[in-house]
Amino acid sequence: MKISSAKKMSIRQLFAPALLAIAIAPLALTAHADNHGDHEGRGADRERMEERMEERRQEVYQRAEISEEKQAELNEAHAEHREAMNALREKHKERVDEILSEEEQEALRSAMHDAHEEYREKHGKRGHHGDHEDDTDSE
């Protein structure tokens, strides 16, 4: 039984980072998505989403049997990452503002939105390949 316990522990150790990544990934995607367009009036939605992400992250920590000390370290690392991403996003926005006029930025946002909608129509709402049986234009 000792061998089984050792294997079980190593499997937990192996999957703990993957589970953490799964729990944190939506936050990174949301941070990226929030950079596109105006999001006035979404503060409450954002707060609820962040609360859900925190709950999910805590659930993953518990499943992976991560100690409270390491949870605190991971949360600190996540906060540092979020702050760094926000700073980088702001720097990028300033650079884009230097390069493009307001009209050009709006045209670019519109073109990106249109391209995204076309992609979703072709590949399905979630963008998964193989969602459509008659995908004949791949030849």
C-alpha atoms as a PDB file:
ATOM      1  CA  MET A   1       0.000   0.000   0.000  1.00  0.00           C
ATOM      2  CA  LYS A   2       2.926   2.324   0.503  1.00  0.00           C
ATOM      3  CA  ILE A   3       3.719   2.180  -3.211  1.00  0.00           C
ATOM      4  CA  SER A   4       0.151   3.072  -4.149  1.00  0.00           C
ATOM      5  CA  SER A   5       0.225   6.010  -1.739  1.00  0.00           C
ATOM      6  CA  ALA A   6       3.530   7.198  -3.207  1.00  0.00           C
ATOM      7  CA  LYS A   7       2.146   6.946  -6.735  1.00  0.00           C
ATOM      8  CA  LYS A   8      -0.999   8.773  -5.688  1.00  0.00           C
ATOM      9  CA  MET A   9       1.033  11.583  -4.169  1.00  0.00           C
ATOM     10  CA  SER A  10       3.167  11.948  -7.265  1.00  0.00           C
ATOM     11  CA  ILE A  11       0.056  12.055  -9.455  1.00  0.00           C
ATOM     12  CA  ARG A  12      -1.358  14.823  -7.254  1.00  0.00           C
ATOM     13  CA  GLN A  13       1.912  16.689  -7.486  1.00  0.00           C
ATOM     14  CA  LEU A  14       1.897  16.226 -11.241  1.00  0.00           C
ATOM     15  CA  PHE A  15      -1.637  17.505 -11.730  1.00  0.00           C
ATOM     16  CA  ALA A  16      -1.610  20.325  -9.170  1.00  0.00           C
ATOM     17  CA  PRO A  17       0.044  22.843 -11.544  1.00  0.00           C
ATOM     18  CA  ALA A  18      -2.308  21.853 -14.363  1.00  0.00           C
ATOM     19  CA  LEU A  19      -5.358  22.284 -12.156  1.00  0.00           C
ATOM     20  CA  LEU A  20      -4.068  25.646 -10.988  1.00  0.00           C
ATOM     21  CA  ALA A  21      -3.495  26.728 -14.575  1.00  0.00           C
ATOM     22  CA  ILE A  22      -7.047  25.711 -15.473  1.00  0.00           C
ATOM     23  CA  ALA A  23      -8.405  27.694 -12.542  1.00  0.00           C
ATOM     24  CA  ILE A  24      -6.386  30.803 -13.371  1.00  0.00           C
ATOM     25  CA  ALA A  25      -6.665  30.738 -17.187  1.00  0.00           C
ATOM     26  CA  PRO A  26     -10.111  32.392 -17.322  1.00  0.00           C
ATOM     27  CA  LEU A  27      -8.721  35.369 -15.433  1.00  0.00           C
ATOM     28  CA  ALA A  28      -6.001  35.873 -18.004  1.00  0.00           C
ATOM     29  CA  LEU A  29      -8.472  35.533 -20.862  1.00  0.00           C
ATOM     30  CA  THR A  30     -10.858  37.967 -19.224  1.00  0.00           C
ATOM     31  CA  ALA A  31      -8.070  40.466 -18.678  1.00  0.00           C
ATOM     32  CA  HIS A  32      -7.222  40.194 -22.379  1.00  0.00           C
ATOM     33  CA  ALA A  33     -10.859  40.523 -23.440  1.00  0.00           C
ATOM     34  CA  ASP A  34     -11.387  43.616 -21.278  1.00  0.00           C
ATOM     35  CA  ASN A  35      -8.820  45.477 -23.364  1.00  0.00           C
ATOM     36  CA  HIS A  36     -11.136  45.447 -26.404  1.00  0.00           C
ATOM     37  CA  GLY A  37     -13.750  48.182 -26.416  1.00  0.00           C
ATOM     38  CA  ASP A  38     -15.482  50.096 -23.664  1.00  0.00           C
ATOM     39  CA  HIS A  39     -16.796  48.211 -20.671  1.00  0.00           C
ATOM     40  CA  GLU A  40     -18.628  50.888 -18.742  1.00  0.00           C
ATOM     41  CA  GLY A  41     -21.179  49.535 -16.310  1.00  0.00           C
ATOM     42  CA  ARG A  42     -19.499  46.152 -16.036  1.00  0.00           C
ATOM     43  CA  GLY A  43     -17.804  46.745 -12.694  1.00  0.00           C
ATOM     44  CA  ALA A  44     -20.325  44.632 -10.800  1.00  0.00           C
ATOM     45  CA  ASP A  45     -20.086  41.827 -13.384  1.00  0.00           C
ATOM     46  CA  ARG A  46     -16.310  41.929 -13.151  1.00  0.00           C
ATOM     47  CA  GLU A  47     -16.428  41.723  -9.360  1.00  0.00           C
ATOM     48  CA  ARG A  48     -18.764  38.708  -9.476  1.00  0.00           C
ATOM     49  CA  MET A  49     -16.537  37.035 -12.055  1.00  0.00           C
ATOM     50  CA  GLU A  50     -13.445  37.641  -9.912  1.00  0.00           C
ATOM     51  CA  GLU A  51     -15.253  36.187  -6.885  1.00  0.00           C
ATOM     52  CA  ARG A  52     -16.177  33.064  -8.895  1.00  0.00           C
ATOM     53  CA  MET A  53     -12.587  32.717 -10.099  1.00  0.00           C
ATOM     54  CA  GLU A  54     -11.322  33.009  -6.520  1.00  0.00           C
ATOM     55  CA  GLU A  55     -13.795  30.324  -5.407  1.00  0.00           C
ATOM     56  CA  ARG A  56     -12.673  28.038  -8.240  1.00  0.00           C
ATOM     57  CA  ARG A  57      -9.009  28.654  -7.440  1.00  0.00           C
ATOM     58  CA  GLN A  58      -9.616  27.770  -3.759  1.00  0.00           C
ATOM     59  CA  GLU A  59     -11.478  24.608  -4.798  1.00  0.00           C
ATOM     60  CA  VAL A  60      -8.562  23.564  -6.994  1.00  0.00           C
ATOM     61  CA  TYR A  61      -6.108  24.250  -4.168  1.00  0.00           C
ATOM     62  CA  GLN A  62      -8.151  22.026  -1.864  1.00  0.00           C
ATOM     63  CA  ARG A  63      -8.434  19.236  -4.434  1.00  0.00           C
ATOM     64  CA  ALA A  64      -4.691  19.362  -4.998  1.00  0.00           C
ATOM     65  CA  GLU A  65      -4.115  19.467  -1.241  1.00  0.00           C
ATOM     66  CA  ILE A  66      -2.013  22.624  -1.472  1.00  0.00           C
ATOM     67  CA  SER A  67      -1.009  23.913   1.956  1.00  0.00           C
ATOM     68  CA  GLU A  68      -2.365  27.266   3.125  1.00  0.00           C
ATOM     69  CA  GLU A  69       1.158  28.672   3.099  1.00  0.00           C
ATOM     70  CA  LYS A  70       1.670  27.711  -0.538  1.00  0.00           C
ATOM     71  CA  GLN A  71      -1.830  28.938  -1.395  1.00  0.00           C
ATOM     72  CA  ALA A  72      -0.853  32.343  -0.048  1.00  0.00           C
ATOM     73  CA  GLU A  73       2.353  32.267  -2.111  1.00  0.00           C
ATOM     74  CA  LEU A  74       0.419  31.276  -5.243  1.00  0.00           C
ATOM     75  CA  ASN A  75      -2.155  34.014  -4.635  1.00  0.00           C
ATOM     76  CA  GLU A  76       0.666  36.549  -4.241  1.00  0.00           C
ATOM     77  CA  ALA A  77       2.277  35.331  -7.470  1.00  0.00           C
ATOM     78  CA  HIS A  78      -1.089  35.593  -9.224  1.00  0.00           C
ATOM     79  CA  ALA A  79      -1.593  39.155  -7.957  1.00  0.00           C
ATOM     80  CA  GLU A  80       1.901  40.124  -9.139  1.00  0.00           C
ATOM     81  CA  HIS A  81       1.174  38.592 -12.535  1.00  0.00           C
ATOM     82  CA  ARG A  82      -2.125  40.454 -12.806  1.00  0.00           C
ATOM     83  CA  GLU A  83      -0.459  43.761 -11.902  1.00  0.00           C
ATOM     84  CA  ALA A  84       2.318  43.167 -14.428  1.00  0.00           C
ATOM     85  CA  MET A  85      -0.193  42.296 -17.148  1.00  0.00           C
ATOM     86  CA  ASN A  86      -2.209  45.424 -16.393  1.00  0.00           C
ATOM     87  CA  ALA A  87       0.936  47.575 -16.587  1.00  0.00           C
ATOM     88  CA  LEU A  88       1.959  45.924 -19.862  1.00  0.00           C
ATOM     89  CA  ARG A  89      -1.562  46.346 -21.250  1.00  0.00           C
ATOM     90  CA  GLU A  90      -1.519  50.047 -20.358  1.00  0.00           C
ATOM     91  CA  LYS A  91       1.911  50.505 -21.949  1.00  0.00           C
ATOM     92  CA  HIS A  92       0.665  48.782 -25.110  1.00  0.00           C
ATOM     93  CA  LYS A  93      -2.443  50.986 -25.192  1.00  0.00           C
ATOM     94  CA  GLU A  94      -0.276  54.111 -24.900  1.00  0.00           C
ATOM     95  CA  ARG A  95       1.912  52.851 -27.771  1.00  0.00           C
ATOM     96  CA  VAL A  96      -1.148  52.163 -29.963  1.00  0.00           C
ATOM     97  CA  ASP A  97      -2.435  55.653 -29.124  1.00  0.00           C
ATOM     98  CA  GLU A  98       0.881  57.041 -30.410  1.00  0.00           C
ATOM     99  CA  ILE A  99       0.630  55.072 -33.661  1.00  0.00           C
ATOM    100  CA  LEU A 100      -3.066  55.261 -34.602  1.00  0.00           C
ATOM    101  CA  SER A 101      -5.592  58.085 -34.548  1.00  0.00           C
ATOM    102  CA  GLU A 102      -8.947  57.550 -32.800  1.00  0.00           C
ATOM    103  CA  GLU A 103     -10.591  56.920 -36.188  1.00  0.00           C
ATOM    104  CA  GLU A 104      -7.951  54.346 -37.148  1.00  0.00           C
ATOM    105  CA  GLN A 105      -8.308  52.624 -33.777  1.00  0.00           C
ATOM    106  CA  GLU A 106     -12.083  52.438 -34.213  1.00  0.00           C
ATOM    107  CA  ALA A 107     -11.641  51.049 -37.747  1.00  0.00           C
ATOM    108  CA  LEU A 108      -9.214  48.449 -36.425  1.00  0.00           C
ATOM    109  CA  ARG A 109     -11.597  47.448 -33.597  1.00  0.00           C
ATOM    110  CA  SER A 110     -14.438  47.140 -36.091  1.00  0.00           C
ATOM    111  CA  ALA A 111     -12.352  45.038 -38.487  1.00  0.00           C
ATOM    112  CA  MET A 112     -11.234  42.784 -35.620  1.00  0.00           C
ATOM    113  CA  HIS A 113     -14.830  42.383 -34.459  1.00  0.00           C
ATOM    114  CA  ASP A 114     -15.984  41.498 -37.973  1.00  0.00           C
ATOM    115  CA  ALA A 115     -13.157  38.995 -38.424  1.00  0.00           C
ATOM    116  CA  HIS A 116     -13.997  37.440 -35.057  1.00  0.00           C
ATOM    117  CA  GLU A 117     -17.676  37.102 -35.980  1.00  0.00           C
ATOM    118  CA  GLU A 118     -16.767  35.510 -39.321  1.00  0.00           C
ATOM    119  CA  TYR A 119     -14.514  33.039 -37.527  1.00  0.00           C
ATOM    120  CA  ARG A 120     -17.274  32.179 -35.049  1.00  0.00           C
ATOM    121  CA  GLU A 121     -19.748  31.619 -37.882  1.00  0.00           C
ATOM    122  CA  LYS A 122     -17.321  29.308 -39.631  1.00  0.00           C
ATOM    123  CA  HIS A 123     -16.017  27.410 -36.605  1.00  0.00           C
ATOM    124  CA  GLY A 124     -18.877  27.601 -34.131  1.00  0.00           C
ATOM    125  CA  LYS A 125     -19.440  29.746 -31.082  1.00  0.00           C
ATOM    126  CA  ARG A 126     -16.514  28.379 -29.090  1.00  0.00           C
ATOM    127  CA  GLY A 127     -14.178  28.114 -32.083  1.00  0.00           C
ATOM    128  CA  HIS A 128     -13.813  24.341 -31.890  1.00  0.00           C
ATOM    129  CA  HIS A 129     -12.781  22.603 -35.061  1.00  0.00           C
ATOM    130  CA  GLY A 130     -14.925  19.719 -36.146  1.00  0.00           C
ATOM    131  CA  ASP A 131     -18.157  21.239 -34.838  1.00  0.00           C
ATOM    132  CA  HIS A 132     -19.509  21.275 -38.391  1.00  0.00           C
ATOM    133  CA  GLU A 133     -19.909  18.040 -40.330  1.00  0.00           C
ATOM    134  CA  ASP A 134     -19.814  19.711 -43.751  1.00  0.00           C
ATOM    135  CA  ASP A 135     -16.464  21.500 -43.363  1.00  0.00           C
ATOM    136  CA  THR A 136     -15.612  21.230 -47.064  1.00  0.00           C
ATOM    137  CA  ASP A 137     -13.598  24.407 -47.622  1.00  0.00           C
ATOM    138  CA  SER A 138     -10.536  22.911 -45.934  1.00  0.00           C
ATOM    139  CA  GLU A 139      -9.566  21.161 -49.191  1.00  0.00           C
END
